[in-house]
PDB file of N, CA and C in Angstrom:
ATOM      1  N   MET A   1    -136.550  66.099 -11.506  1.00  0.00           N
ATOM      2  CA  MET A   1    -135.678  65.296 -10.677  1.00  0.00           C
ATOM      3  C   MET A   1    -134.340  65.984 -10.690  1.00  0.00           C
ATOM      4  N   ALA A   2    -133.713  66.117  -9.537  1.00  0.00           N
ATOM      5  CA  ALA A   2    -132.477  66.812  -9.355  1.00  0.00           C
ATOM      6  C   ALA A   2    -131.283  66.074  -9.896  1.00  0.00           C
ATOM      7  N   LYS A   3    -130.372  66.758 -10.509  1.00  0.00           N
ATOM      8  CA  LYS A   3    -129.133  66.130 -10.950  1.00  0.00           C
ATOM      9  C   LYS A   3    -128.241  65.817  -9.778  1.00  0.00           C
ATOM     10  N   THR A   4    -127.487  64.735  -9.905  1.00  0.00           N
ATOM     11  CA  THR A   4    -126.533  64.347  -8.901  1.00  0.00           C
ATOM     12  C   THR A   4    -125.182  64.348  -9.421  1.00  0.00           C
ATOM     13  N   SER A   5    -124.204  65.002  -8.691  1.00  0.00           N
ATOM     14  CA  SER A   5    -122.856  64.993  -9.333  1.00  0.00           C
ATOM     15  C   SER A   5    -122.196  63.633  -9.061  1.00  0.00           C
ATOM     16  N   PRO A   6    -121.187  63.359  -9.959  1.00  0.00           N
ATOM     17  CA  PRO A   6    -120.559  62.041  -9.893  1.00  0.00           C
ATOM     18  C   PRO A   6    -119.935  61.767  -8.339  1.00  0.00           C
ATOM     19  N   PHE A   7    -119.447  62.880  -7.803  1.00  0.00           N
ATOM     20  CA  PHE A   7    -118.864  62.657  -6.404  1.00  0.00           C
ATOM     21  C   PHE A   7    -119.982  62.367  -5.409  1.00  0.00           C
ATOM     22  N   GLU A   8    -121.102  63.045  -5.568  1.00  0.00           N
ATOM     23  CA  GLU A   8    -122.228  62.692  -4.642  1.00  0.00           C
ATOM     24  C   GLU A   8    -122.805  61.302  -4.808  1.00  0.00           C
ATOM     25  N   PHE A   9    -122.887  60.962  -6.050  1.00  0.00           N
ATOM     26  CA  PHE A   9    -123.250  59.548  -6.434  1.00  0.00           C
ATOM     27  C   PHE A   9    -122.367  58.509  -5.782  1.00  0.00           C
ATOM     28  N   VAL A  10    -121.094  58.738  -5.827  1.00  0.00           N
ATOM     29  CA  VAL A  10    -120.134  57.741  -5.243  1.00  0.00           C
ATOM     30  C   VAL A  10    -120.333  57.719  -3.726  1.00  0.00           C
ATOM     31  N   GLN A  11    -120.520  58.859  -3.115  1.00  0.00           N
ATOM     32  CA  GLN A  11    -120.841  58.900  -1.733  1.00  0.00           C
ATOM     33  C   GLN A  11    -122.092  58.083  -1.312  1.00  0.00           C
ATOM     34  N   GLN A  12    -123.104  58.322  -2.174  1.00  0.00           N
ATOM     35  CA  GLN A  12    -124.457  57.674  -1.856  1.00  0.00           C
ATOM     36  C   GLN A  12    -124.252  56.117  -2.041  1.00  0.00           C
ATOM     37  N   VAL A  13    -123.532  55.684  -3.011  1.00  0.00           N
ATOM     38  CA  VAL A  13    -123.301  54.291  -3.247  1.00  0.00           C
ATOM     39  C   VAL A  13    -122.477  53.699  -2.074  1.00  0.00           C
ATOM     40  N   ARG A  14    -121.449  54.356  -1.570  1.00  0.00           N
ATOM     41  CA  ARG A  14    -120.723  53.868  -0.411  1.00  0.00           C
ATOM     42  C   ARG A  14    -121.601  53.797   0.814  1.00  0.00           C
ATOM     43  N   ARG A  15    -122.461  54.778   0.996  1.00  0.00           N
ATOM     44  CA  ARG A  15    -123.352  54.801   2.144  1.00  0.00           C
ATOM     45  C   ARG A  15    -124.290  53.630   2.061  1.00  0.00           C
ATOM     46  N   GLU A  16    -124.889  53.326   0.937  1.00  0.00           N
ATOM     47  CA  GLU A  16    -125.780  52.286   0.759  1.00  0.00           C
ATOM     48  C   GLU A  16    -125.029  50.887   0.919  1.00  0.00           C
ATOM     49  N   THR A  17    -123.864  50.810   0.352  1.00  0.00           N
ATOM     50  CA  THR A  17    -123.089  49.588   0.415  1.00  0.00           C
ATOM     51  C   THR A  17    -122.729  49.266   1.942  1.00  0.00           C
ATOM     52  N   SER A  18    -122.565  50.240   2.714  1.00  0.00           N
ATOM     53  CA  SER A  18    -122.139  50.040   4.111  1.00  0.00           C
ATOM     54  C   SER A  18    -123.417  49.406   4.943  1.00  0.00           C
ATOM     55  N   LYS A  19    -124.602  49.639   4.415  1.00  0.00           N
ATOM     56  CA  LYS A  19    -125.872  49.110   5.051  1.00  0.00           C
ATOM     57  C   LYS A  19    -126.069  47.622   4.706  1.00  0.00           C
ATOM     58  N   VAL A  20    -125.329  47.040   3.806  1.00  0.00           N
ATOM     59  CA  VAL A  20    -125.518  45.655   3.310  1.00  0.00           C
ATOM     60  C   VAL A  20    -124.995  44.730   4.313  1.00  0.00           C
ATOM     61  N   THR A  21    -125.808  43.737   4.735  1.00  0.00           N
ATOM     62  CA  THR A  21    -125.177  42.683   5.594  1.00  0.00           C
ATOM     63  C   THR A  21    -124.569  41.591   4.730  1.00  0.00           C
ATOM     64  N   TRP A  22    -123.291  41.501   4.744  1.00  0.00           N
ATOM     65  CA  TRP A  22    -122.556  40.586   3.845  1.00  0.00           C
ATOM     66  C   TRP A  22    -122.466  39.162   4.491  1.00  0.00           C
ATOM     67  N   PRO A  23    -122.690  38.127   3.781  1.00  0.00           N
ATOM     68  CA  PRO A  23    -122.655  36.786   4.368  1.00  0.00           C
ATOM     69  C   PRO A  23    -121.199  36.392   4.766  1.00  0.00           C
ATOM     70  N   THR A  24    -121.123  35.525   5.863  1.00  0.00           N
ATOM     71  CA  THR A  24    -119.830  35.049   6.213  1.00  0.00           C
ATOM     72  C   THR A  24    -119.390  34.028   5.211  1.00  0.00           C
ATOM     73  N   ARG A  25    -118.096  33.568   5.308  1.00  0.00           N
ATOM     74  CA  ARG A  25    -117.641  32.510   4.489  1.00  0.00           C
ATOM     75  C   ARG A  25    -118.372  31.209   4.717  1.00  0.00           C
ATOM     76  N   LYS A  26    -118.783  30.812   5.952  1.00  0.00           N
ATOM     77  CA  LYS A  26    -119.461  29.606   6.258  1.00  0.00           C
ATOM     78  C   LYS A  26    -120.904  29.706   5.663  1.00  0.00           C
ATOM     79  N   GLU A  27    -121.543  30.927   5.782  1.00  0.00           N
ATOM     80  CA  GLU A  27    -122.909  31.029   5.242  1.00  0.00           C
ATOM     81  C   GLU A  27    -122.840  30.843   3.598  1.00  0.00           C
ATOM     82  N   THR A  28    -121.871  31.438   3.017  1.00  0.00           N
ATOM     83  CA  THR A  28    -121.791  31.206   1.627  1.00  0.00           C
ATOM     84  C   THR A  28    -121.519  29.744   1.177  1.00  0.00           C
ATOM     85  N   GLY A  29    -120.702  29.014   2.018  1.00  0.00           N
ATOM     86  CA  GLY A  29    -120.472  27.676   1.737  1.00  0.00           C
ATOM     87  C   GLY A  29    -121.668  26.815   1.932  1.00  0.00           C
ATOM     88  N   VAL A  30    -122.428  27.007   3.002  1.00  0.00           N
ATOM     89  CA  VAL A  30    -123.664  26.284   3.257  1.00  0.00           C
ATOM     90  C   VAL A  30    -124.705  26.569   2.114  1.00  0.00           C
ATOM     91  N   THR A  31    -124.868  27.789   1.777  1.00  0.00           N
ATOM     92  CA  THR A  31    -125.804  28.121   0.690  1.00  0.00           C
ATOM     93  C   THR A  31    -125.490  27.507  -0.606  1.00  0.00           C
ATOM     94  N   THR A  32    -124.051  27.519  -0.967  1.00  0.00           N
ATOM     95  CA  THR A  32    -123.658  26.896  -2.125  1.00  0.00           C
ATOM     96  C   THR A  32    -123.954  25.404  -2.168  1.00  0.00           C
ATOM     97  N   LEU A  33    -123.707  24.722  -1.128  1.00  0.00           N
ATOM     98  CA  LEU A  33    -123.911  23.317  -0.952  1.00  0.00           C
ATOM     99  C   LEU A  33    -125.408  23.069  -1.078  1.00  0.00           C
ATOM    100  N   MET A  34    -126.269  23.821  -0.423  1.00  0.00           N
ATOM    101  CA  MET A  34    -127.674  23.677  -0.615  1.00  0.00           C
ATOM    102  C   MET A  34    -128.161  23.798  -2.023  1.00  0.00           C
ATOM    103  N   VAL A  35    -127.631  24.788  -2.741  1.00  0.00           N
ATOM    104  CA  VAL A  35    -127.957  24.929  -4.214  1.00  0.00           C
ATOM    105  C   VAL A  35    -127.488  23.651  -4.980  1.00  0.00           C
ATOM    106  N   PHE A  36    -126.361  23.181  -4.723  1.00  0.00           N
ATOM    107  CA  PHE A  36    -125.924  21.930  -5.529  1.00  0.00           C
ATOM    108  C   PHE A  36    -126.871  20.796  -5.133  1.00  0.00           C
ATOM    109  N   ILE A  37    -127.199  20.639  -3.911  1.00  0.00           N
ATOM    110  CA  ILE A  37    -128.086  19.506  -3.527  1.00  0.00           C
ATOM    111  C   ILE A  37    -129.418  19.679  -4.228  1.00  0.00           C
ATOM    112  N   MET A  38    -130.022  20.931  -4.212  1.00  0.00           N
ATOM    113  CA  MET A  38    -131.345  21.097  -4.857  1.00  0.00           C
ATOM    114  C   MET A  38    -131.259  20.865  -6.372  1.00  0.00           C
ATOM    115  N   VAL A  39    -130.160  21.258  -7.034  1.00  0.00           N
ATOM    116  CA  VAL A  39    -130.054  20.982  -8.440  1.00  0.00           C
ATOM    117  C   VAL A  39    -129.955  19.560  -8.733  1.00  0.00           C
ATOM    118  N   ALA A  40    -129.287  18.798  -7.875  1.00  0.00           N
ATOM    119  CA  ALA A  40    -129.187  17.344  -8.023  1.00  0.00           C
ATOM    120  C   ALA A  40    -130.497  16.654  -7.892  1.00  0.00           C
ATOM    121  N   LEU A  41    -131.274  17.102  -6.818  1.00  0.00           N
ATOM    122  CA  LEU A  41    -132.596  16.562  -6.632  1.00  0.00           C
ATOM    123  C   LEU A  41    -133.614  16.897  -7.790  1.00  0.00           C
ATOM    124  N   ALA A  42    -133.462  18.166  -8.257  1.00  0.00           N
ATOM    125  CA  ALA A  42    -134.360  18.582  -9.334  1.00  0.00           C
ATOM    126  C   ALA A  42    -134.025  17.731 -10.652  1.00  0.00           C
ATOM    127  N   SER A  43    -132.714  17.516 -10.915  1.00  0.00           N
ATOM    128  CA  SER A  43    -132.354  16.842 -12.133  1.00  0.00           C
ATOM    129  C   SER A  43    -132.818  15.344 -12.018  1.00  0.00           C
ATOM    130  N   VAL A  44    -132.703  14.739 -10.774  1.00  0.00           N
ATOM    131  CA  VAL A  44    -133.183  13.338 -10.717  1.00  0.00           C
ATOM    132  C   VAL A  44    -134.722  13.330 -10.904  1.00  0.00           C
ATOM    133  N   PHE A  45    -135.428  14.345 -10.246  1.00  0.00           N
ATOM    134  CA  PHE A  45    -136.915  14.362 -10.406  1.00  0.00           C
ATOM    135  C   PHE A  45    -137.309  14.498 -11.921  1.00  0.00           C
ATOM    136  N   PHE A  46    -136.624  15.376 -12.543  1.00  0.00           N
ATOM    137  CA  PHE A  46    -137.049  15.561 -13.990  1.00  0.00           C
ATOM    138  C   PHE A  46    -136.643  14.432 -14.819  1.00  0.00           C
ATOM    139  N   ALA A  47    -135.556  13.750 -14.543  1.00  0.00           N
ATOM    140  CA  ALA A  47    -135.196  12.569 -15.280  1.00  0.00           C
ATOM    141  C   ALA A  47    -136.244  11.437 -15.037  1.00  0.00           C
ATOM    142  N   VAL A  48    -136.715  11.282 -13.919  1.00  0.00           N
ATOM    143  CA  VAL A  48    -137.774  10.325 -13.620  1.00  0.00           C
ATOM    144  C   VAL A  48    -139.042  10.662 -14.311  1.00  0.00           C
ATOM    145  N   VAL A  49    -139.476  11.886 -14.255  1.00  0.00           N
ATOM    146  CA  VAL A  49    -140.607  12.317 -14.908  1.00  0.00           C
ATOM    147  C   VAL A  49    -140.475  12.154 -16.420  1.00  0.00           C
ATOM    148  N   ASP A  50    -139.340  12.332 -16.953  1.00  0.00           N
ATOM    149  CA  ASP A  50    -139.009  12.171 -18.463  1.00  0.00           C
ATOM    150  C   ASP A  50    -139.246  10.700 -18.778  1.00  0.00           C
ATOM    151  N   VAL A  51    -138.656   9.804 -17.965  1.00  0.00           N
ATOM    152  CA  VAL A  51    -138.803   8.396 -18.267  1.00  0.00           C
ATOM    153  C   VAL A  51    -140.258   7.945 -18.183  1.00  0.00           C
ATOM    154  N   VAL A  52    -140.992   8.435 -17.169  1.00  0.00           N
ATOM    155  CA  VAL A  52    -142.347   8.041 -16.992  1.00  0.00           C
ATOM    156  C   VAL A  52    -143.188   8.531 -18.182  1.00  0.00           C
ATOM    157  N   LEU A  53    -143.036   9.737 -18.529  1.00  0.00           N
ATOM    158  CA  LEU A  53    -143.775  10.318 -19.698  1.00  0.00           C
ATOM    159  C   LEU A  53    -143.441   9.540 -20.968  1.00  0.00           C
ATOM    160  N   GLN A  54    -142.173   9.308 -21.170  1.00  0.00           N
ATOM    161  CA  GLN A  54    -141.726   8.534 -22.358  1.00  0.00           C
ATOM    162  C   GLN A  54    -142.405   7.277 -22.417  1.00  0.00           C
ATOM    163  N   PHE A  55    -142.361   6.516 -21.314  1.00  0.00           N
ATOM    164  CA  PHE A  55    -143.073   5.251 -21.312  1.00  0.00           C
ATOM    165  C   PHE A  55    -144.560   5.380 -21.554  1.00  0.00           C
ATOM    166  N   GLY A  56    -145.199   6.307 -20.903  1.00  0.00           N
ATOM    167  CA  GLY A  56    -146.640   6.501 -21.018  1.00  0.00           C
ATOM    168  C   GLY A  56    -147.056   6.840 -22.367  1.00  0.00           C
ATOM    169  N   ILE A  57    -146.334   7.733 -23.034  1.00  0.00           N
ATOM    170  CA  ILE A  57    -146.640   8.131 -24.440  1.00  0.00           C
ATOM    171  C   ILE A  57    -146.408   6.988 -25.382  1.00  0.00           C
ATOM    172  N   GLY A  58    -145.352   6.306 -25.143  1.00  0.00           N
ATOM    173  CA  GLY A  58    -145.004   5.068 -26.044  1.00  0.00           C
ATOM    174  C   GLY A  58    -146.195   4.064 -25.803  1.00  0.00           C
ATOM    175  N   PHE A  59    -146.587   3.889 -24.600  1.00  0.00           N
ATOM    176  CA  PHE A  59    -147.679   2.898 -24.459  1.00  0.00           C
ATOM    177  C   PHE A  59    -148.952   3.376 -25.126  1.00  0.00           C
ATOM    178  N   LEU A  60    -149.277   4.609 -25.026  1.00  0.00           N
ATOM    179  CA  LEU A  60    -150.478   5.179 -25.613  1.00  0.00           C
ATOM    180  C   LEU A  60    -150.454   5.024 -27.117  1.00  0.00           C
ATOM    181  N   LEU A  61    -149.301   5.203 -27.730  1.00  0.00           N
ATOM    182  CA  LEU A  61    -149.127   5.251 -29.192  1.00  0.00           C
ATOM    183  C   LEU A  61    -148.930   3.793 -29.686  1.00  0.00           C
ATOM    184  N   GLY A  62    -148.781   2.851 -28.854  1.00  0.00           N
ATOM    185  CA  GLY A  62    -148.647   1.450 -29.230  1.00  0.00           C
ATOM    186  C   GLY A  62    -147.263   1.063 -29.578  1.00  0.00           C
ATOM    187  N   ALA A  63    -146.293   1.982 -29.313  1.00  0.00           N
ATOM    188  CA  ALA A  63    -144.953   1.663 -29.621  1.00  0.00           C
ATOM    189  C   ALA A  63    -144.274   0.901 -28.422  1.00  0.00           C
ATOM    190  N   GLY A  64    -144.789   1.045 -27.270  1.00  0.00           N
ATOM    191  CA  GLY A  64    -144.228   0.438 -26.105  1.00  0.00           C
ATOM    192  C   GLY A  64    -144.870  -0.925 -25.731  1.00  0.00           C
ATOM    193  N   GLY A  65    -144.303  -1.635 -24.711  1.00  0.00           N
ATOM    194  CA  GLY A  65    -144.913  -2.789 -24.359  1.00  0.00           C
ATOM    195  C   GLY A  65    -144.429  -3.497 -23.251  1.00  0.00           C
TER     196      GLY A  65
END
């Protein structure tokens, strides 16, 4: 493998960085909002599953009623 000089490396990094499609401020905001909504939905889902499993296991072990 050929060695790359630090100057050439920086040039390559700049060239590759210029190819990146950066998100707009609006896209970033919408994506952030979607992540928060999905986290909230997942936390509610897992809380419900936890309560159901807790009740089911308690019932099976005779501690619930």
